[in-house]
Amino acid sequence: MRKIELVCLHELLLLVRYEYERRLGHAIECNEYDRLDIRPIAITQPKAKHDEAVRALASDLAMAVTEHSSSDTDTDLERSVGHHKS
């Protein structure tokens, strides 16, 4: 992947993060990504840094979605079990 494509992917993933946070109503933890302290606008940074940021952000987002999905599933399961007990 060329650097410009990687920077665009970096920007898109960051937009996904912001939209997901907006829908949740709170910030999500992206510790690995935030620790890198590189943003898509830093186009003078080496391609390898953007690659690392993209991988970290994708991983952090996947973890956040998984955690949120499993907590939703637990809530749905509790509701379902509670409904059948009545």
PDB file of N, CA and C in Angstrom:
ATOM      1  N   MET A   1       0.850  -1.169   0.000  1.00  0.00           N
ATOM      2  CA  MET A   1       0.000   0.000   0.000  1.00  0.00           C
ATOM      3  C   MET A   1       0.902   1.241   0.000  1.00  0.00           C
ATOM      4  N   ARG A   2       0.535   2.206  -0.810  1.00  0.00           N
ATOM      5  CA  ARG A   2       1.308   3.445  -0.850  1.00  0.00           C
ATOM      6  C   ARG A   2       1.023   4.288   0.385  1.00  0.00           C
ATOM      7  N   LYS A   3       1.926   5.187   0.688  1.00  0.00           N
ATOM      8  CA  LYS A   3       1.800   6.003   1.900  1.00  0.00           C
ATOM      9  C   LYS A   3       0.509   6.814   1.892  1.00  0.00           C
ATOM     10  N   ILE A   4       0.166   7.424   0.767  1.00  0.00           N
ATOM     11  CA  ILE A   4      -1.039   8.252   0.720  1.00  0.00           C
ATOM     12  C   ILE A   4      -2.294   7.413   0.982  1.00  0.00           C
ATOM     13  N   GLU A   5      -2.308   6.192   0.506  1.00  0.00           N
ATOM     14  CA  GLU A   5      -3.432   5.294   0.768  1.00  0.00           C
ATOM     15  C   GLU A   5      -3.494   4.923   2.248  1.00  0.00           C
ATOM     16  N   LEU A   6      -2.345   4.722   2.834  1.00  0.00           N
ATOM     17  CA  LEU A   6      -2.271   4.394   4.257  1.00  0.00           C
ATOM     18  C   LEU A   6      -2.752   5.567   5.108  1.00  0.00           C
ATOM     19  N   VAL A   7      -2.367   6.780   4.737  1.00  0.00           N
ATOM     20  CA  VAL A   7      -2.812   7.977   5.463  1.00  0.00           C
ATOM     21  C   VAL A   7      -4.333   8.123   5.331  1.00  0.00           C
ATOM     22  N   CYS A   8      -4.867   7.852   4.149  1.00  0.00           N
ATOM     23  CA  CYS A   8      -6.327   7.913   3.955  1.00  0.00           C
ATOM     24  C   CYS A   8      -7.031   6.862   4.806  1.00  0.00           C
ATOM     25  N   LEU A   9      -6.497   5.665   4.856  1.00  0.00           N
ATOM     26  CA  LEU A   9      -7.067   4.609   5.699  1.00  0.00           C
ATOM     27  C   LEU A   9      -7.001   5.013   7.172  1.00  0.00           C
ATOM     28  N   HIS A  10      -5.910   5.613   7.564  1.00  0.00           N
ATOM     29  CA  HIS A  10      -5.735   6.103   8.934  1.00  0.00           C
ATOM     30  C   HIS A  10      -6.854   7.102   9.255  1.00  0.00           C
ATOM     31  N   GLU A  11      -7.094   8.037   8.353  1.00  0.00           N
ATOM     32  CA  GLU A  11      -8.151   9.035   8.545  1.00  0.00           C
ATOM     33  C   GLU A  11      -9.525   8.378   8.625  1.00  0.00           C
ATOM     34  N   LEU A  12      -9.791   7.425   7.765  1.00  0.00           N
ATOM     35  CA  LEU A  12     -11.086   6.743   7.784  1.00  0.00           C
ATOM     36  C   LEU A  12     -11.320   5.992   9.099  1.00  0.00           C
ATOM     37  N   LEU A  13     -10.299   5.308   9.570  1.00  0.00           N
ATOM     38  CA  LEU A  13     -10.438   4.592  10.841  1.00  0.00           C
ATOM     39  C   LEU A  13     -10.666   5.558  12.001  1.00  0.00           C
ATOM     40  N   LEU A  14     -10.019   6.709  11.952  1.00  0.00           N
ATOM     41  CA  LEU A  14     -10.226   7.704  12.997  1.00  0.00           C
ATOM     42  C   LEU A  14     -11.653   8.237  12.951  1.00  0.00           C
ATOM     43  N   LEU A  15     -12.193   8.425  11.757  1.00  0.00           N
ATOM     44  CA  LEU A  15     -13.590   8.842  11.617  1.00  0.00           C
ATOM     45  C   LEU A  15     -14.546   7.776  12.146  1.00  0.00           C
ATOM     46  N   VAL A  16     -14.216   6.518  11.914  1.00  0.00           N
ATOM     47  CA  VAL A  16     -15.023   5.417  12.462  1.00  0.00           C
ATOM     48  C   VAL A  16     -15.003   5.489  13.983  1.00  0.00           C
ATOM     49  N   ARG A  17     -13.836   5.745  14.561  1.00  0.00           N
ATOM     50  CA  ARG A  17     -13.742   5.863  16.016  1.00  0.00           C
ATOM     51  C   ARG A  17     -14.641   6.987  16.536  1.00  0.00           C
ATOM     52  N   TYR A  18     -14.549   8.152  15.912  1.00  0.00           N
ATOM     53  CA  TYR A  18     -15.350   9.294  16.364  1.00  0.00           C
ATOM     54  C   TYR A  18     -16.847   9.028  16.224  1.00  0.00           C
ATOM     55  N   GLU A  19     -17.242   8.404  15.130  1.00  0.00           N
ATOM     56  CA  GLU A  19     -18.666   8.102  14.924  1.00  0.00           C
ATOM     57  C   GLU A  19     -19.140   7.062  15.936  1.00  0.00           C
ATOM     58  N   TYR A  20     -18.339   6.064  16.203  1.00  0.00           N
ATOM     59  CA  TYR A  20     -18.700   5.041  17.187  1.00  0.00           C
ATOM     60  C   TYR A  20     -18.837   5.665  18.577  1.00  0.00           C
ATOM     61  N   GLU A  21     -17.897   6.545  18.921  1.00  0.00           N
ATOM     62  CA  GLU A  21     -17.975   7.226  20.213  1.00  0.00           C
ATOM     63  C   GLU A  21     -19.227   8.102  20.292  1.00  0.00           C
ATOM     64  N   ARG A  22     -19.547   8.763  19.187  1.00  0.00           N
ATOM     65  CA  ARG A  22     -20.738   9.615  19.166  1.00  0.00           C
ATOM     66  C   ARG A  22     -21.995   8.774  19.403  1.00  0.00           C
ATOM     67  N   ARG A  23     -22.069   7.635  18.760  1.00  0.00           N
ATOM     68  CA  ARG A  23     -23.242   6.773  18.915  1.00  0.00           C
ATOM     69  C   ARG A  23     -23.335   6.171  20.316  1.00  0.00           C
ATOM     70  N   LEU A  24     -22.186   5.846  20.892  1.00  0.00           N
ATOM     71  CA  LEU A  24     -22.180   5.300  22.254  1.00  0.00           C
ATOM     72  C   LEU A  24     -22.469   6.376  23.294  1.00  0.00           C
ATOM     73  N   GLY A  25     -22.084   7.598  22.981  1.00  0.00           N
ATOM     74  CA  GLY A  25     -22.267   8.697  23.924  1.00  0.00           C
ATOM     75  C   GLY A  25     -21.106   8.857  24.889  1.00  0.00           C
ATOM     76  N   HIS A  26     -19.997   8.178  24.614  1.00  0.00           N
ATOM     77  CA  HIS A  26     -18.805   8.317  25.449  1.00  0.00           C
ATOM     78  C   HIS A  26     -17.571   7.868  24.671  1.00  0.00           C
ATOM     79  N   ALA A  27     -16.426   8.258  25.166  1.00  0.00           N
ATOM     80  CA  ALA A  27     -15.164   7.887  24.526  1.00  0.00           C
ATOM     81  C   ALA A  27     -14.885   6.399  24.727  1.00  0.00           C
ATOM     82  N   ILE A  28     -14.195   5.828  23.771  1.00  0.00           N
ATOM     83  CA  ILE A  28     -13.762   4.439  23.912  1.00  0.00           C
ATOM     84  C   ILE A  28     -12.259   4.440  24.159  1.00  0.00           C
ATOM     85  N   GLU A  29     -11.797   3.388  24.795  1.00  0.00           N
ATOM     86  CA  GLU A  29     -10.362   3.288  25.072  1.00  0.00           C
ATOM     87  C   GLU A  29      -9.624   2.800  23.833  1.00  0.00           C
ATOM     88  N   CYS A  30      -8.700   3.618  23.403  1.00  0.00           N
ATOM     89  CA  CYS A  30      -7.810   3.251  22.299  1.00  0.00           C
ATOM     90  C   CYS A  30      -6.387   3.518  22.793  1.00  0.00           C
ATOM     91  N   ASN A  31      -6.042   2.854  23.886  1.00  0.00           N
ATOM     92  CA  ASN A  31      -4.768   3.117  24.548  1.00  0.00           C
ATOM     93  C   ASN A  31      -3.559   2.902  23.648  1.00  0.00           C
ATOM     94  N   GLU A  32      -3.569   1.812  22.909  1.00  0.00           N
ATOM     95  CA  GLU A  32      -2.421   1.518  22.052  1.00  0.00           C
ATOM     96  C   GLU A  32      -2.261   2.604  20.985  1.00  0.00           C
ATOM     97  N   TYR A  33      -3.369   2.986  20.361  1.00  0.00           N
ATOM     98  CA  TYR A  33      -3.332   4.024  19.326  1.00  0.00           C
ATOM     99  C   TYR A  33      -2.941   5.377  19.923  1.00  0.00           C
ATOM    100  N   ASP A  34      -3.583   5.751  21.020  1.00  0.00           N
ATOM    101  CA  ASP A  34      -3.304   7.053  21.639  1.00  0.00           C
ATOM    102  C   ASP A  34      -1.850   7.155  22.102  1.00  0.00           C
ATOM    103  N   ARG A  35      -1.293   6.039  22.550  1.00  0.00           N
ATOM    104  CA  ARG A  35       0.094   6.021  23.008  1.00  0.00           C
ATOM    105  C   ARG A  35       1.057   6.383  21.875  1.00  0.00           C
ATOM    106  N   LEU A  36       0.711   6.021  20.639  1.00  0.00           N
ATOM    107  CA  LEU A  36       1.590   6.297  19.492  1.00  0.00           C
ATOM    108  C   LEU A  36       1.677   7.784  19.175  1.00  0.00           C
ATOM    109  N   ASP A  37       0.639   8.535  19.523  1.00  0.00           N
ATOM    110  CA  ASP A  37       0.614   9.990  19.331  1.00  0.00           C
ATOM    111  C   ASP A  37       0.924  10.388  17.888  1.00  0.00           C
ATOM    112  N   ILE A  38       0.261   9.753  16.943  1.00  0.00           N
ATOM    113  CA  ILE A  38       0.366  10.121  15.534  1.00  0.00           C
ATOM    114  C   ILE A  38      -1.052  10.193  14.964  1.00  0.00           C
ATOM    115  N   ARG A  39      -1.304  11.235  14.227  1.00  0.00           N
ATOM    116  CA  ARG A  39      -2.611  11.443  13.622  1.00  0.00           C
ATOM    117  C   ARG A  39      -2.463  11.498  12.104  1.00  0.00           C
ATOM    118  N   PRO A  40      -3.549  11.294  11.376  1.00  0.00           N
ATOM    119  CA  PRO A  40      -3.466  11.277   9.913  1.00  0.00           C
ATOM    120  C   PRO A  40      -2.903  12.568   9.320  1.00  0.00           C
ATOM    121  N   ILE A  41      -3.123  13.659   9.988  1.00  0.00           N
ATOM    122  CA  ILE A  41      -2.649  14.944   9.465  1.00  0.00           C
ATOM    123  C   ILE A  41      -1.117  15.044   9.483  1.00  0.00           C
ATOM    124  N   ALA A  42      -0.471  14.176  10.222  1.00  0.00           N
ATOM    125  CA  ALA A  42       1.001  14.173  10.315  1.00  0.00           C
ATOM    126  C   ALA A  42       1.586  13.468   9.091  1.00  0.00           C
ATOM    127  N   ILE A  43       1.363  14.049   7.927  1.00  0.00           N
ATOM    128  CA  ILE A  43       1.773  13.388   6.684  1.00  0.00           C
ATOM    129  C   ILE A  43       3.280  13.336   6.490  1.00  0.00           C
ATOM    130  N   THR A  44       4.012  14.122   7.260  1.00  0.00           N
ATOM    131  CA  THR A  44       5.472  14.075   7.141  1.00  0.00           C
ATOM    132  C   THR A  44       6.084  12.915   7.921  1.00  0.00           C
ATOM    133  N   GLN A  45       5.249  12.262   8.744  1.00  0.00           N
ATOM    134  CA  GLN A  45       5.742  11.101   9.490  1.00  0.00           C
ATOM    135  C   GLN A  45       5.992   9.945   8.519  1.00  0.00           C
ATOM    136  N   PRO A  46       6.913   9.075   8.846  1.00  0.00           N
ATOM    137  CA  PRO A  46       7.210   7.945   7.958  1.00  0.00           C
ATOM    138  C   PRO A  46       6.008   7.014   7.769  1.00  0.00           C
ATOM    139  N   LYS A  47       5.987   6.362   6.652  1.00  0.00           N
ATOM    140  CA  LYS A  47       4.932   5.404   6.317  1.00  0.00           C
ATOM    141  C   LYS A  47       4.799   4.343   7.414  1.00  0.00           C
ATOM    142  N   ALA A  48       5.915   3.894   7.956  1.00  0.00           N
ATOM    143  CA  ALA A  48       5.898   2.853   8.992  1.00  0.00           C
ATOM    144  C   ALA A  48       5.123   3.307  10.227  1.00  0.00           C
ATOM    145  N   LYS A  49       5.200   4.585  10.565  1.00  0.00           N
ATOM    146  CA  LYS A  49       4.456   5.103  11.731  1.00  0.00           C
ATOM    147  C   LYS A  49       2.953   5.068  11.468  1.00  0.00           C
ATOM    148  N   HIS A  50       2.545   5.438  10.251  1.00  0.00           N
ATOM    149  CA  HIS A  50       1.125   5.391   9.910  1.00  0.00           C
ATOM    150  C   HIS A  50       0.639   3.948   9.869  1.00  0.00           C
ATOM    151  N   ASP A  51       1.472   3.056   9.374  1.00  0.00           N
ATOM    152  CA  ASP A  51       1.123   1.641   9.350  1.00  0.00           C
ATOM    153  C   ASP A  51       0.897   1.131  10.772  1.00  0.00           C
ATOM    154  N   GLU A  52       1.780   1.478  11.671  1.00  0.00           N
ATOM    155  CA  GLU A  52       1.643   1.068  13.064  1.00  0.00           C
ATOM    156  C   GLU A  52       0.377   1.668  13.688  1.00  0.00           C
ATOM    157  N   ALA A  53       0.101   2.920  13.362  1.00  0.00           N
ATOM    158  CA  ALA A  53      -1.094   3.583  13.896  1.00  0.00           C
ATOM    159  C   ALA A  53      -2.365   2.927  13.373  1.00  0.00           C
ATOM    160  N   VAL A  54      -2.402   2.603  12.088  1.00  0.00           N
ATOM    161  CA  VAL A  54      -3.571   1.955  11.489  1.00  0.00           C
ATOM    162  C   VAL A  54      -3.815   0.600  12.153  1.00  0.00           C
ATOM    163  N   ARG A  55      -2.759  -0.163  12.326  1.00  0.00           N
ATOM    164  CA  ARG A  55      -2.909  -1.477  12.960  1.00  0.00           C
ATOM    165  C   ARG A  55      -3.382  -1.352  14.407  1.00  0.00           C
ATOM    166  N   ALA A  56      -2.826  -0.392  15.141  1.00  0.00           N
ATOM    167  CA  ALA A  56      -3.209  -0.194  16.541  1.00  0.00           C
ATOM    168  C   ALA A  56      -4.659   0.271  16.645  1.00  0.00           C
ATOM    169  N   LEU A  57      -5.043   1.227  15.802  1.00  0.00           N
ATOM    170  CA  LEU A  57      -6.406   1.746  15.854  1.00  0.00           C
ATOM    171  C   LEU A  57      -7.413   0.679  15.449  1.00  0.00           C
ATOM    172  N   ALA A  58      -7.119  -0.078  14.422  1.00  0.00           N
ATOM    173  CA  ALA A  58      -8.013  -1.164  14.004  1.00  0.00           C
ATOM    174  C   ALA A  58      -8.179  -2.185  15.128  1.00  0.00           C
ATOM    175  N   SER A  59      -7.097  -2.514  15.785  1.00  0.00           N
ATOM    176  CA  SER A  59      -7.149  -3.467  16.894  1.00  0.00           C
ATOM    177  C   SER A  59      -7.956  -2.911  18.068  1.00  0.00           C
ATOM    178  N   ASP A  60      -7.699  -1.657  18.419  1.00  0.00           N
ATOM    179  CA  ASP A  60      -8.432  -1.026  19.522  1.00  0.00           C
ATOM    180  C   ASP A  60      -9.925  -0.933  19.212  1.00  0.00           C
ATOM    181  N   LEU A  61     -10.266  -0.583  17.972  1.00  0.00           N
ATOM    182  CA  LEU A  61     -11.674  -0.497  17.590  1.00  0.00           C
ATOM    183  C   LEU A  61     -12.345  -1.865  17.646  1.00  0.00           C
ATOM    184  N   ALA A  62     -11.656  -2.866  17.151  1.00  0.00           N
ATOM    185  CA  ALA A  62     -12.213  -4.219  17.176  1.00  0.00           C
ATOM    186  C   ALA A  62     -12.465  -4.666  18.616  1.00  0.00           C
ATOM    187  N   MET A  63     -11.537  -4.362  19.510  1.00  0.00           N
ATOM    188  CA  MET A  63     -11.718  -4.731  20.914  1.00  0.00           C
ATOM    189  C   MET A  63     -12.903  -3.992  21.526  1.00  0.00           C
ATOM    190  N   ALA A  64     -13.034  -2.703  21.226  1.00  0.00           N
ATOM    191  CA  ALA A  64     -14.129  -1.906  21.771  1.00  0.00           C
ATOM    192  C   ALA A  64     -15.477  -2.433  21.277  1.00  0.00           C
ATOM    193  N   VAL A  65     -15.565  -2.757  20.001  1.00  0.00           N
ATOM    194  CA  VAL A  65     -16.811  -3.282  19.442  1.00  0.00           C
ATOM    195  C   VAL A  65     -17.139  -4.640  20.064  1.00  0.00           C
ATOM    196  N   THR A  66     -16.132  -5.480  20.216  1.00  0.00           N
ATOM    197  CA  THR A  66     -16.342  -6.796  20.822  1.00  0.00           C
ATOM    198  C   THR A  66     -16.831  -6.659  22.257  1.00  0.00           C
ATOM    199  N   GLU A  67     -16.201  -5.777  23.022  1.00  0.00           N
ATOM    200  CA  GLU A  67     -16.612  -5.572  24.415  1.00  0.00           C
ATOM    201  C   GLU A  67     -18.032  -5.043  24.490  1.00  0.00           C
ATOM    202  N   HIS A  68     -18.350  -4.081  23.626  1.00  0.00           N
ATOM    203  CA  HIS A  68     -19.686  -3.503  23.627  1.00  0.00           C
ATOM    204  C   HIS A  68     -20.722  -4.539  23.190  1.00  0.00           C
ATOM    205  N   SER A  69     -20.388  -5.328  22.185  1.00  0.00           N
ATOM    206  CA  SER A  69     -21.313  -6.354  21.691  1.00  0.00           C
ATOM    207  C   SER A  69     -21.573  -7.413  22.748  1.00  0.00           C
ATOM    208  N   SER A  70     -20.542  -7.835  23.457  1.00  0.00           N
ATOM    209  CA  SER A  70     -20.740  -8.863  24.469  1.00  0.00           C
ATOM    210  C   SER A  70     -21.530  -8.318  25.649  1.00  0.00           C
ATOM    211  N   SER A  71     -21.381  -7.038  25.985  1.00  0.00           N
ATOM    212  CA  SER A  71     -22.182  -6.480  27.074  1.00  0.00           C
ATOM    213  C   SER A  71     -23.631  -6.334  26.635  1.00  0.00           C
ATOM    214  N   ASP A  72     -23.883  -6.008  25.358  1.00  0.00           N
ATOM    215  CA  ASP A  72     -25.245  -5.966  24.840  1.00  0.00           C
ATOM    216  C   ASP A  72     -25.859  -7.351  24.851  1.00  0.00           C
ATOM    217  N   THR A  73     -25.094  -8.359  24.469  1.00  0.00           N
ATOM    218  CA  THR A  73     -25.578  -9.734  24.447  1.00  0.00           C
ATOM    219  C   THR A  73     -25.929 -10.189  25.852  1.00  0.00           C
ATOM    220  N   ASP A  74     -25.088  -9.842  26.838  1.00  0.00           N
ATOM    221  CA  ASP A  74     -25.365 -10.204  28.222  1.00  0.00           C
ATOM    222  C   ASP A  74     -26.673  -9.564  28.687  1.00  0.00           C
ATOM    223  N   THR A  75     -26.880  -8.300  28.349  1.00  0.00           N
ATOM    224  CA  THR A  75     -28.096  -7.596  28.740  1.00  0.00           C
ATOM    225  C   THR A  75     -29.307  -8.231  28.068  1.00  0.00           C
ATOM    226  N   ASP A  76     -29.188  -8.538  26.776  1.00  0.00           N
ATOM    227  CA  ASP A  76     -30.284  -9.182  26.064  1.00  0.00           C
ATOM    228  C   ASP A  76     -30.590 -10.549  26.666  1.00  0.00           C
ATOM    229  N   LEU A  77     -29.539 -11.289  27.017  1.00  0.00           N
ATOM    230  CA  LEU A  77     -29.721 -12.610  27.615  1.00  0.00           C
ATOM    231  C   LEU A  77     -30.412 -12.485  28.966  1.00  0.00           C
ATOM    232  N   GLU A  78     -29.992 -11.522  29.784  1.00  0.00           N
ATOM    233  CA  GLU A  78     -30.621 -11.333  31.088  1.00  0.00           C
ATOM    234  C   GLU A  78     -32.091 -10.981  30.932  1.00  0.00           C
ATOM    235  N   ARG A  79     -32.405 -10.116  29.963  1.00  0.00           N
ATOM    236  CA  ARG A  79     -33.790  -9.757  29.698  1.00  0.00           C
ATOM    237  C   ARG A  79     -34.583 -10.982  29.271  1.00  0.00           C
ATOM    238  N   SER A  80     -33.983 -11.789  28.408  1.00  0.00           N
ATOM    239  CA  SER A  80     -34.662 -12.979  27.896  1.00  0.00           C
ATOM    240  C   SER A  80     -34.917 -13.973  29.021  1.00  0.00           C
ATOM    241  N   VAL A  81     -33.919 -14.191  29.856  1.00  0.00           N
ATOM    242  CA  VAL A  81     -34.048 -15.133  30.972  1.00  0.00           C
ATOM    243  C   VAL A  81     -35.086 -14.602  31.963  1.00  0.00           C
ATOM    244  N   GLY A  82     -35.024 -13.328  32.254  1.00  0.00           N
ATOM    245  CA  GLY A  82     -35.986 -12.721  33.163  1.00  0.00           C
ATOM    246  C   GLY A  82     -37.399 -12.811  32.630  1.00  0.00           C
ATOM    247  N   HIS A  83     -37.543 -12.695  31.325  1.00  0.00           N
ATOM    248  CA  HIS A  83     -38.873 -12.768  30.684  1.00  0.00           C
ATOM    249  C   HIS A  83     -39.452 -14.171  30.817  1.00  0.00           C
ATOM    250  N   HIS A  84     -38.621 -15.175  30.669  1.00  0.00           N
ATOM    251  CA  HIS A  84     -39.101 -16.556  30.741  1.00  0.00           C
ATOM    252  C   HIS A  84     -39.397 -16.999  32.170  1.00  0.00           C
ATOM    253  N   LYS A  85     -38.816 -16.341  33.152  1.00  0.00           N
ATOM    254  CA  LYS A  85     -39.072 -16.713  34.552  1.00  0.00           C
ATOM    255  C   LYS A  85     -40.435 -16.247  35.016  1.00  0.00           C
ATOM    256  N   SER A  86     -40.978 -15.228  34.390  1.00  0.00           N
ATOM    257  CA  SER A  86     -42.253 -14.649  34.826  1.00  0.00           C
ATOM    258  C   SER A  86     -43.413 -15.554  34.603  1.00  0.00           C
TER     259      SER A  86
END
